[in-house]
Protein backbone atom coordinates (compact mmCIF):
# COMPACT_ATOMS: atom_id res chain seq x y z
CA UNK A 1 81.51 103.79 123.84
CA UNK A 2 81.17 100.42 122.40
CA UNK A 3 83.90 97.92 121.76
CA UNK A 4 83.27 98.02 117.98
CA UNK A 5 83.65 101.75 118.02
CA UNK A 6 86.79 101.71 120.20
CA UNK A 7 88.38 99.21 117.72
CA UNK A 8 87.46 101.30 114.73
CA UNK A 9 88.79 104.44 116.42
CA UNK A 10 92.15 102.64 117.18
CA UNK A 11 92.31 101.36 113.61
CA UNK A 12 91.71 104.90 112.26
CA UNK A 13 94.35 106.34 114.53
CA UNK A 14 96.83 103.56 113.75
CA UNK A 15 96.28 103.77 110.01
CA UNK A 16 96.49 107.57 109.98
CA UNK A 17 99.74 107.55 111.93
CA UNK A 18 101.35 104.87 109.92
CA UNK A 19 100.19 106.85 106.69
CA UNK A 20 101.66 109.94 107.98
CA UNK A 21 105.05 108.40 108.92
CA UNK A 22 105.41 106.37 105.73
CA UNK A 23 104.11 108.58 103.02
CA UNK A 24 102.59 112.08 103.84
CA UNK A 25 105.44 113.41 105.79
CA UNK A 26 107.85 112.60 102.98
CA UNK A 27 106.04 114.92 100.47
CA UNK A 28 106.83 118.62 100.73
CA UNK A 29 104.44 121.25 99.35
CA UNK A 30 105.63 124.83 99.07
CA UNK A 31 108.07 124.26 101.96
CA UNK A 32 105.67 122.44 104.36
CA UNK A 33 104.39 119.02 104.88
CA UNK A 34 100.73 117.87 105.56
CA UNK A 35 100.18 116.69 109.02
CA UNK A 36 97.53 113.98 109.29
CA UNK A 37 97.47 113.52 112.95
CA UNK A 38 95.49 116.70 113.88
CA UNK A 39 92.94 115.96 111.21
CA UNK A 40 92.37 112.43 112.27
CA UNK A 41 92.05 113.49 115.95
CA UNK A 42 89.67 116.31 114.98
CA UNK A 43 87.47 114.04 112.84
CA UNK A 44 87.32 111.47 115.60
CA UNK A 45 86.35 114.25 118.01
CA UNK A 46 83.82 115.66 115.82
CA UNK A 47 82.10 112.42 115.36
CA UNK A 48 82.41 110.90 118.76
CA UNK A 49 82.88 113.78 121.24
CA UNK A 50 85.39 115.03 123.63
CA UNK A 51 86.38 111.85 125.55
CA UNK A 52 86.95 109.85 122.39
CA UNK A 53 88.73 112.81 120.88
CA UNK A 54 91.10 113.16 123.90
CA UNK A 55 91.78 109.33 123.98
CA UNK A 56 92.42 109.22 120.16
CA UNK A 57 94.66 112.20 120.50
CA UNK A 58 96.65 110.74 123.33
CA UNK A 59 97.11 107.30 121.67
CA UNK A 60 98.06 108.86 118.26
CA UNK A 61 100.43 111.22 119.81
CA UNK A 62 102.04 108.45 121.96
CA UNK A 63 102.34 106.15 118.93
CA UNK A 64 104.14 109.08 116.88
CA UNK A 65 106.42 109.92 119.80
CA UNK A 66 107.42 106.21 120.05
CA UNK A 67 107.72 105.59 116.36
CA UNK A 68 109.74 108.79 115.64
CA UNK A 69 111.88 108.67 118.78
CA UNK A 70 110.91 112.10 119.96
CA UNK A 71 110.37 113.64 123.39
CA UNK A 72 107.87 111.16 124.86
CA UNK A 73 104.68 112.68 125.58
CA UNK A 74 104.88 115.96 123.92
CA UNK A 75 102.77 115.08 120.86
CA UNK A 76 100.45 113.17 123.15
CA UNK A 77 99.92 116.25 125.23
CA UNK A 78 99.30 118.51 122.35
CA UNK A 79 97.01 116.09 120.37
CA UNK A 80 95.15 115.28 123.59
CA UNK A 81 94.21 119.06 123.94
CA UNK A 82 93.20 119.31 120.29
CA UNK A 83 90.97 116.38 120.51
CA UNK A 84 89.35 117.36 123.68
CA UNK A 85 88.70 120.97 122.52
CA UNK A 86 87.26 119.95 119.09
CA UNK A 87 85.09 117.29 120.85
CA UNK A 88 83.77 120.06 123.25
CA UNK A 89 83.10 122.20 120.27
CA UNK A 90 80.83 119.47 118.82
CA UNK A 91 79.09 118.86 122.14
CA UNK A 92 78.40 122.56 122.77
CA UNK A 93 77.76 124.00 119.28
CA UNK A 94 77.53 121.05 116.86
CA UNK A 95 78.78 122.97 113.76
CA UNK A 96 77.86 121.59 110.47
CA UNK A 97 77.97 122.77 106.96
CA UNK A 98 80.00 122.36 103.88
CA UNK A 99 82.96 124.35 105.11
CA UNK A 100 83.04 122.84 108.66
CA UNK A 101 85.87 120.39 107.84
CA UNK A 102 88.02 123.01 106.34
CA UNK A 103 87.65 125.43 109.30
CA UNK A 104 88.14 122.88 111.95
CA UNK A 105 90.90 121.09 110.27
CA UNK A 106 92.81 124.40 109.91
CA UNK A 107 92.07 125.37 113.45
CA UNK A 108 93.07 122.06 114.75
CA UNK A 109 96.31 122.08 112.68
CA UNK A 110 97.11 125.56 113.80
CA UNK A 111 96.55 124.51 117.46
CA UNK A 112 98.70 121.42 117.11
CA UNK A 113 101.59 123.11 115.39
CA UNK A 114 101.48 126.21 117.59
CA UNK A 115 101.18 124.04 120.70
CA UNK A 116 104.06 121.78 119.64
CA UNK A 117 106.27 124.82 119.07
CA UNK A 118 105.31 126.42 122.36
CA UNK A 119 105.99 123.32 124.43
CA UNK A 120 109.35 122.69 122.59
CA UNK A 121 110.22 126.42 123.50
CA UNK A 122 109.07 126.02 127.19
CA UNK A 123 111.18 122.78 127.34
CA UNK A 124 114.16 124.65 126.26
CA UNK A 125 114.89 122.68 123.07
CA UNK A 126 117.82 124.61 121.44
CA UNK A 127 116.44 125.22 117.90
CA UNK A 128 116.56 128.41 115.90
CA UNK A 129 113.31 130.37 115.77
CA UNK A 130 112.93 132.41 112.57
CA UNK A 131 110.38 133.28 110.03
CA UNK A 132 110.92 130.01 108.42
CA UNK A 133 109.09 128.48 111.32
CA UNK A 134 106.13 130.72 110.82
CA UNK A 135 106.22 130.08 107.06
CA UNK A 136 106.18 126.34 107.60
CA UNK A 137 103.26 126.44 110.09
CA UNK A 138 101.22 128.61 107.82
CA UNK A 139 101.92 126.24 104.79
CA UNK A 140 101.00 123.23 106.98
CA UNK A 141 97.82 124.90 108.01
CA UNK A 142 96.94 125.64 104.42
CA UNK A 143 97.74 122.33 103.06
CA UNK A 144 95.84 120.58 105.94
CA UNK A 145 92.87 122.77 105.32
CA UNK A 146 92.69 121.60 101.62
CA UNK A 147 92.93 117.84 102.60
CA UNK A 148 90.64 118.13 105.60
CA UNK A 149 87.38 117.51 103.76
CA UNK A 150 88.46 114.06 102.26
CA UNK A 151 90.05 112.99 105.69
CA UNK A 152 86.82 113.91 107.49
CA UNK A 153 84.77 112.11 104.87
CA UNK A 154 86.93 108.92 105.13
CA UNK A 155 86.74 109.09 108.95
CA UNK A 156 83.02 109.45 108.82
CA UNK A 157 82.64 106.55 106.41
CA UNK A 158 84.83 104.42 108.54
CA UNK A 159 83.28 105.21 111.87
CA UNK A 160 79.61 105.55 110.99
CA UNK A 161 78.68 101.81 111.08
CA UNK A 162 79.65 101.56 114.81
CA UNK A 163 78.45 105.01 115.98
CA UNK A 164 75.48 104.74 118.35
CA UNK A 165 72.23 106.55 117.47
CA UNK A 166 73.02 109.40 120.06
CA UNK A 167 76.22 110.33 118.24
CA UNK A 168 74.72 110.25 114.63
CA UNK A 169 74.07 113.65 113.21
CA UNK A 170 70.36 114.23 112.61
CA UNK A 171 69.55 115.75 109.21
CA UNK A 172 67.03 118.50 109.12
CA UNK A 173 64.07 118.07 106.95
CA UNK A 174 63.78 120.67 104.40
CA UNK A 175 60.90 122.95 104.57
CA UNK A 176 58.56 123.09 101.68
CA UNK A 177 57.33 126.48 100.62
CA UNK A 178 53.72 125.49 100.13
CA UNK A 179 53.42 123.97 103.69
CA UNK A 180 54.51 126.68 105.87
CA UNK A 181 52.02 128.03 108.24
CA UNK A 182 53.28 131.57 107.54
CA UNK A 183 52.34 131.65 103.86
C-alpha cells in the first residue's frame, strides 16, 4: 500500500466517522439510524483488500470508541472483523454487479450490528433485550442497504486516483455478436 492510498483511506475513515457522529446518527428513520461506519469499512475493503479493510475497520472503530466514550476496543473489534471478511470476499470471489454494494452493505451492517450486540451481551452489559432491538437492527440494515450504493460510489471516486493497477477492477470487453467464433 502506498503512502497516498494510506492517507486517502485515513481521510475517508475520519470523514465518515465525523459525518456519522455529527449528522447521520441524529436522524431517525422508522425507529432506526443509518450507520456509516460498516459501509465505509466495507467500501474500503472492497476496493483495497482484506488488510486495508481490517486496518480501516480498526482505526474507524477506535476513533468512534474514543469520540463517543464507549467501551474501548469493542467497535474496533467488530469493524476489524467486518473489514477483513469483506476484503477476503473481494480477494476470493471479486463480486461485481449493480446490486453488489446493496448486498455487501446490508451484510456488513448486519454483521456489525449483530456482532456489536453479541459482544455487548458477552461482556455482561446490563441492557434490556427485546423485540425493539431486533426491529432497530433490521431497520438499520434496510436504511444502510439503501444508502450503500452512493457511499460505495463516493469511496470509489475518492480512492481510485491512488489505487495501484493491481487493485483496479478490470472491465470486461463486451462481446459483439458478429465476431463470435460460434456463430
